Amino acid sequence: MTVFLAIGTVSMLLASTMAMVSRDIKRVWAYSTISQLGLMIMGLAAGSLFAGTFHLTTHAGFKALLFLCSGSGSICTRRTTCTRFPGEEGDG
């Protein structure tokens, strides 16, 4: 179980770091999902089967809604990068 705990920790840290530096919104959500899967593996390796499976099911539902919202936002703004926020200067 110690090996799974280490793998979950490393994948969580690496994926969350990649999500922080990515500019494409879909990649940010994908890296965030990988990070959360690492967190679930950590929970399972620590011995909490209920917490790991509960986090998996709730995360799946919320992440599906998040992908739907980001997709509609990408369609409305016609861009998928996170370089500027709406309302900033130069936003046409």
N, C-alpha and C. Protein backbone atom coordinates (compact mmCIF):
# COMPACT_ATOMS: atom_id res chain seq x y z
N MET A 1 0.81 -1.20 0.00
CA MET A 1 0.00 0.00 0.00
C MET A 1 0.85 1.27 0.00
N THR A 2 2.06 1.17 0.52
CA THR A 2 2.94 2.33 0.54
C THR A 2 3.31 2.76 -0.88
N VAL A 3 3.45 1.79 -1.78
CA VAL A 3 3.77 2.11 -3.17
C VAL A 3 2.62 2.87 -3.82
N PHE A 4 1.38 2.44 -3.56
CA PHE A 4 0.22 3.14 -4.11
C PHE A 4 0.09 4.54 -3.53
N LEU A 5 0.39 4.69 -2.27
CA LEU A 5 0.35 6.00 -1.64
C LEU A 5 1.37 6.93 -2.28
N ALA A 6 2.57 6.43 -2.56
CA ALA A 6 3.60 7.24 -3.21
C ALA A 6 3.21 7.58 -4.65
N ILE A 7 2.66 6.62 -5.38
CA ILE A 7 2.24 6.87 -6.76
C ILE A 7 1.11 7.90 -6.80
N GLY A 8 0.15 7.79 -5.91
CA GLY A 8 -0.93 8.76 -5.84
C GLY A 8 -0.43 10.15 -5.50
N THR A 9 0.51 10.24 -4.58
CA THR A 9 1.06 11.55 -4.19
C THR A 9 1.82 12.20 -5.34
N VAL A 10 2.66 11.42 -6.00
CA VAL A 10 3.45 11.97 -7.10
C VAL A 10 2.55 12.40 -8.26
N SER A 11 1.56 11.56 -8.61
CA SER A 11 0.67 11.93 -9.71
C SER A 11 -0.17 13.15 -9.35
N MET A 12 -0.59 13.26 -8.10
CA MET A 12 -1.36 14.42 -7.69
C MET A 12 -0.53 15.69 -7.79
N LEU A 13 0.69 15.66 -7.31
CA LEU A 13 1.53 16.85 -7.34
C LEU A 13 1.94 17.24 -8.75
N LEU A 14 2.33 16.27 -9.57
CA LEU A 14 2.75 16.58 -10.94
C LEU A 14 1.59 17.09 -11.78
N ALA A 15 0.44 16.45 -11.70
CA ALA A 15 -0.70 16.87 -12.51
C ALA A 15 -1.23 18.23 -12.08
N SER A 16 -1.24 18.51 -10.79
CA SER A 16 -1.71 19.83 -10.36
C SER A 16 -0.74 20.92 -10.77
N THR A 17 0.55 20.62 -10.79
CA THR A 17 1.54 21.59 -11.26
C THR A 17 1.37 21.85 -12.75
N MET A 18 1.14 20.80 -13.53
CA MET A 18 0.91 20.99 -14.96
C MET A 18 -0.37 21.77 -15.23
N ALA A 19 -1.38 21.58 -14.40
CA ALA A 19 -2.63 22.32 -14.57
C ALA A 19 -2.43 23.80 -14.29
N MET A 20 -1.55 24.13 -13.36
CA MET A 20 -1.33 25.54 -13.04
C MET A 20 -0.62 26.30 -14.14
N VAL A 21 0.17 25.63 -14.96
CA VAL A 21 0.93 26.33 -16.00
C VAL A 21 0.31 26.19 -17.39
N SER A 22 -0.72 25.40 -17.54
CA SER A 22 -1.35 25.22 -18.84
C SER A 22 -2.27 26.39 -19.15
N ARG A 23 -2.35 26.75 -20.42
CA ARG A 23 -3.20 27.87 -20.84
C ARG A 23 -4.51 27.41 -21.49
N ASP A 24 -4.54 26.19 -21.99
CA ASP A 24 -5.74 25.66 -22.63
C ASP A 24 -6.70 25.17 -21.56
N ILE A 25 -7.93 25.64 -21.60
CA ILE A 25 -8.89 25.36 -20.53
C ILE A 25 -9.20 23.86 -20.43
N LYS A 26 -9.26 23.18 -21.57
CA LYS A 26 -9.57 21.75 -21.53
C LYS A 26 -8.41 20.95 -20.94
N ARG A 27 -7.18 21.39 -21.20
CA ARG A 27 -6.04 20.72 -20.59
C ARG A 27 -6.00 20.97 -19.08
N VAL A 28 -6.40 22.17 -18.66
CA VAL A 28 -6.45 22.46 -17.23
C VAL A 28 -7.42 21.50 -16.55
N TRP A 29 -8.59 21.30 -17.14
CA TRP A 29 -9.57 20.38 -16.54
C TRP A 29 -9.06 18.95 -16.57
N ALA A 30 -8.37 18.57 -17.65
CA ALA A 30 -7.86 17.20 -17.74
C ALA A 30 -6.77 16.95 -16.69
N TYR A 31 -5.85 17.90 -16.54
CA TYR A 31 -4.81 17.75 -15.52
C TYR A 31 -5.41 17.77 -14.12
N SER A 32 -6.44 18.56 -13.95
CA SER A 32 -7.13 18.59 -12.66
C SER A 32 -7.76 17.24 -12.35
N THR A 33 -8.31 16.60 -13.36
CA THR A 33 -8.90 15.27 -13.18
C THR A 33 -7.83 14.25 -12.80
N ILE A 34 -6.68 14.30 -13.46
CA ILE A 34 -5.59 13.38 -13.13
C ILE A 34 -5.13 13.62 -11.69
N SER A 35 -5.07 14.88 -11.30
CA SER A 35 -4.68 15.21 -9.93
C SER A 35 -5.68 14.63 -8.92
N GLN A 36 -6.95 14.74 -9.23
CA GLN A 36 -7.97 14.21 -8.34
C GLN A 36 -7.94 12.68 -8.30
N LEU A 37 -7.60 12.04 -9.42
CA LEU A 37 -7.46 10.58 -9.41
C LEU A 37 -6.30 10.17 -8.51
N GLY A 38 -5.21 10.96 -8.52
CA GLY A 38 -4.12 10.68 -7.59
C GLY A 38 -4.56 10.81 -6.15
N LEU A 39 -5.40 11.79 -5.88
CA LEU A 39 -5.94 11.97 -4.53
C LEU A 39 -6.82 10.79 -4.13
N MET A 40 -7.59 10.27 -5.08
CA MET A 40 -8.43 9.10 -4.79
C MET A 40 -7.58 7.87 -4.50
N ILE A 41 -6.51 7.68 -5.27
CA ILE A 41 -5.60 6.56 -5.03
C ILE A 41 -4.96 6.70 -3.65
N MET A 42 -4.60 7.93 -3.28
CA MET A 42 -4.05 8.16 -1.94
C MET A 42 -5.05 7.75 -0.87
N GLY A 43 -6.31 8.12 -1.05
CA GLY A 43 -7.35 7.76 -0.08
C GLY A 43 -7.55 6.26 0.03
N LEU A 44 -7.55 5.59 -1.13
CA LEU A 44 -7.70 4.14 -1.11
C LEU A 44 -6.50 3.46 -0.48
N ALA A 45 -5.29 3.96 -0.78
CA ALA A 45 -4.08 3.37 -0.21
C ALA A 45 -3.97 3.61 1.28
N ALA A 46 -4.56 4.70 1.76
CA ALA A 46 -4.53 4.98 3.19
C ALA A 46 -5.52 4.11 3.96
N GLY A 47 -6.37 3.39 3.23
CA GLY A 47 -7.25 2.44 3.90
C GLY A 47 -8.70 2.85 3.97
N SER A 48 -9.09 3.91 3.31
CA SER A 48 -10.47 4.35 3.37
C SER A 48 -11.17 4.06 2.04
N LEU A 49 -11.76 2.89 1.94
CA LEU A 49 -12.46 2.48 0.73
C LEU A 49 -13.67 3.37 0.47
N PHE A 50 -14.41 3.70 1.50
CA PHE A 50 -15.61 4.52 1.33
C PHE A 50 -15.25 5.91 0.83
N ALA A 51 -14.23 6.54 1.41
CA ALA A 51 -13.86 7.89 1.01
C ALA A 51 -13.36 7.92 -0.42
N GLY A 52 -12.59 6.92 -0.83
CA GLY A 52 -12.09 6.88 -2.20
C GLY A 52 -13.19 6.72 -3.22
N THR A 53 -14.11 5.79 -2.98
CA THR A 53 -15.20 5.57 -3.93
C THR A 53 -16.21 6.72 -3.90
N PHE A 54 -16.45 7.30 -2.75
CA PHE A 54 -17.36 8.45 -2.67
C PHE A 54 -16.77 9.63 -3.43
N HIS A 55 -15.47 9.88 -3.27
CA HIS A 55 -14.83 10.97 -3.99
C HIS A 55 -14.85 10.71 -5.49
N LEU A 56 -14.68 9.46 -5.90
CA LEU A 56 -14.72 9.10 -7.32
C LEU A 56 -16.08 9.40 -7.92
N THR A 57 -17.16 8.99 -7.26
CA THR A 57 -18.49 9.19 -7.83
C THR A 57 -18.90 10.66 -7.83
N THR A 58 -18.63 11.38 -6.76
CA THR A 58 -19.01 12.79 -6.74
C THR A 58 -18.15 13.59 -7.71
N HIS A 59 -16.88 13.27 -7.80
CA HIS A 59 -15.99 13.99 -8.72
C HIS A 59 -16.42 13.75 -10.17
N ALA A 60 -16.85 12.55 -10.49
CA ALA A 60 -17.28 12.25 -11.86
C ALA A 60 -18.47 13.11 -12.26
N GLY A 61 -19.44 13.24 -11.38
CA GLY A 61 -20.61 14.07 -11.69
C GLY A 61 -20.27 15.53 -11.85
N PHE A 62 -19.52 16.07 -10.91
CA PHE A 62 -19.18 17.48 -10.96
C PHE A 62 -18.24 17.80 -12.12
N LYS A 63 -17.32 16.91 -12.43
CA LYS A 63 -16.39 17.16 -13.53
C LYS A 63 -17.11 17.10 -14.87
N ALA A 64 -18.12 16.23 -15.00
CA ALA A 64 -18.91 16.18 -16.23
C ALA A 64 -19.63 17.50 -16.44
N LEU A 65 -20.21 18.04 -15.39
CA LEU A 65 -20.87 19.34 -15.51
C LEU A 65 -19.87 20.45 -15.82
N LEU A 66 -18.69 20.36 -15.24
CA LEU A 66 -17.65 21.37 -15.50
C LEU A 66 -17.20 21.33 -16.95
N PHE A 67 -17.02 20.15 -17.53
CA PHE A 67 -16.65 20.03 -18.93
C PHE A 67 -17.76 20.58 -19.83
N LEU A 68 -19.01 20.33 -19.49
CA LEU A 68 -20.11 20.88 -20.28
C LEU A 68 -20.11 22.41 -20.24
N CYS A 69 -19.90 22.97 -19.07
CA CYS A 69 -19.88 24.43 -18.94
C CYS A 69 -18.69 25.05 -19.65
N SER A 70 -17.53 24.42 -19.55
CA SER A 70 -16.36 24.99 -20.23
C SER A 70 -16.51 24.86 -21.74
N GLY A 71 -17.16 23.81 -22.20
CA GLY A 71 -17.41 23.67 -23.64
C GLY A 71 -18.34 24.74 -24.15
N SER A 72 -19.39 25.03 -23.41
CA SER A 72 -20.31 26.08 -23.86
C SER A 72 -19.65 27.45 -23.75
N GLY A 73 -18.80 27.63 -22.76
CA GLY A 73 -18.06 28.89 -22.66
C GLY A 73 -17.08 29.07 -23.79
N SER A 74 -16.45 27.98 -24.22
CA SER A 74 -15.53 28.03 -25.35
C SER A 74 -16.26 28.35 -26.64
N ILE A 75 -17.46 27.80 -26.79
CA ILE A 75 -18.24 28.08 -27.98
C ILE A 75 -18.70 29.54 -27.99
N CYS A 76 -19.13 30.04 -26.85
CA CYS A 76 -19.62 31.42 -26.78
C CYS A 76 -18.51 32.45 -27.01
N THR A 77 -17.34 32.19 -26.46
CA THR A 77 -16.25 33.16 -26.60
C THR A 77 -15.35 32.88 -27.79
N ARG A 78 -15.54 31.75 -28.44
CA ARG A 78 -14.76 31.32 -29.60
C ARG A 78 -13.27 31.21 -29.31
N ARG A 79 -12.93 30.84 -28.09
CA ARG A 79 -11.53 30.60 -27.73
C ARG A 79 -11.46 29.61 -26.58
N THR A 80 -10.33 28.93 -26.49
CA THR A 80 -10.17 27.94 -25.44
C THR A 80 -8.95 28.21 -24.58
N THR A 81 -8.34 29.38 -24.75
CA THR A 81 -7.15 29.69 -23.96
C THR A 81 -7.52 30.57 -22.78
N CYS A 82 -6.69 30.52 -21.75
CA CYS A 82 -6.92 31.28 -20.52
C CYS A 82 -5.94 32.44 -20.43
N THR A 83 -5.80 33.21 -21.49
CA THR A 83 -4.83 34.31 -21.44
C THR A 83 -5.44 35.58 -20.89
N ARG A 84 -6.72 35.82 -21.17
CA ARG A 84 -7.39 37.02 -20.66
C ARG A 84 -8.74 36.62 -20.09
N PHE A 85 -9.21 37.40 -19.15
CA PHE A 85 -10.53 37.18 -18.60
C PHE A 85 -11.50 38.15 -19.25
N PRO A 86 -12.79 37.80 -19.36
CA PRO A 86 -13.76 38.72 -19.95
C PRO A 86 -13.82 40.03 -19.17
N GLY A 87 -13.90 41.12 -19.91
CA GLY A 87 -13.97 42.44 -19.28
C GLY A 87 -12.64 43.14 -19.16
N GLU A 88 -11.54 42.45 -19.45
CA GLU A 88 -10.23 43.10 -19.40
C GLU A 88 -10.06 43.97 -20.62
N GLU A 89 -9.13 44.91 -20.56
CA GLU A 89 -8.87 45.78 -21.69
C GLU A 89 -8.40 44.98 -22.87
N GLY A 90 -8.85 45.39 -24.05
CA GLY A 90 -8.45 44.70 -25.26
C GLY A 90 -9.32 43.51 -25.58
N ASP A 91 -10.32 43.24 -24.75
CA ASP A 91 -11.22 42.11 -25.01
C ASP A 91 -12.28 42.58 -25.98
N GLY A 92 -12.25 42.05 -27.18
CA GLY A 92 -13.15 42.55 -28.20
C GLY A 92 -14.23 41.64 -28.43
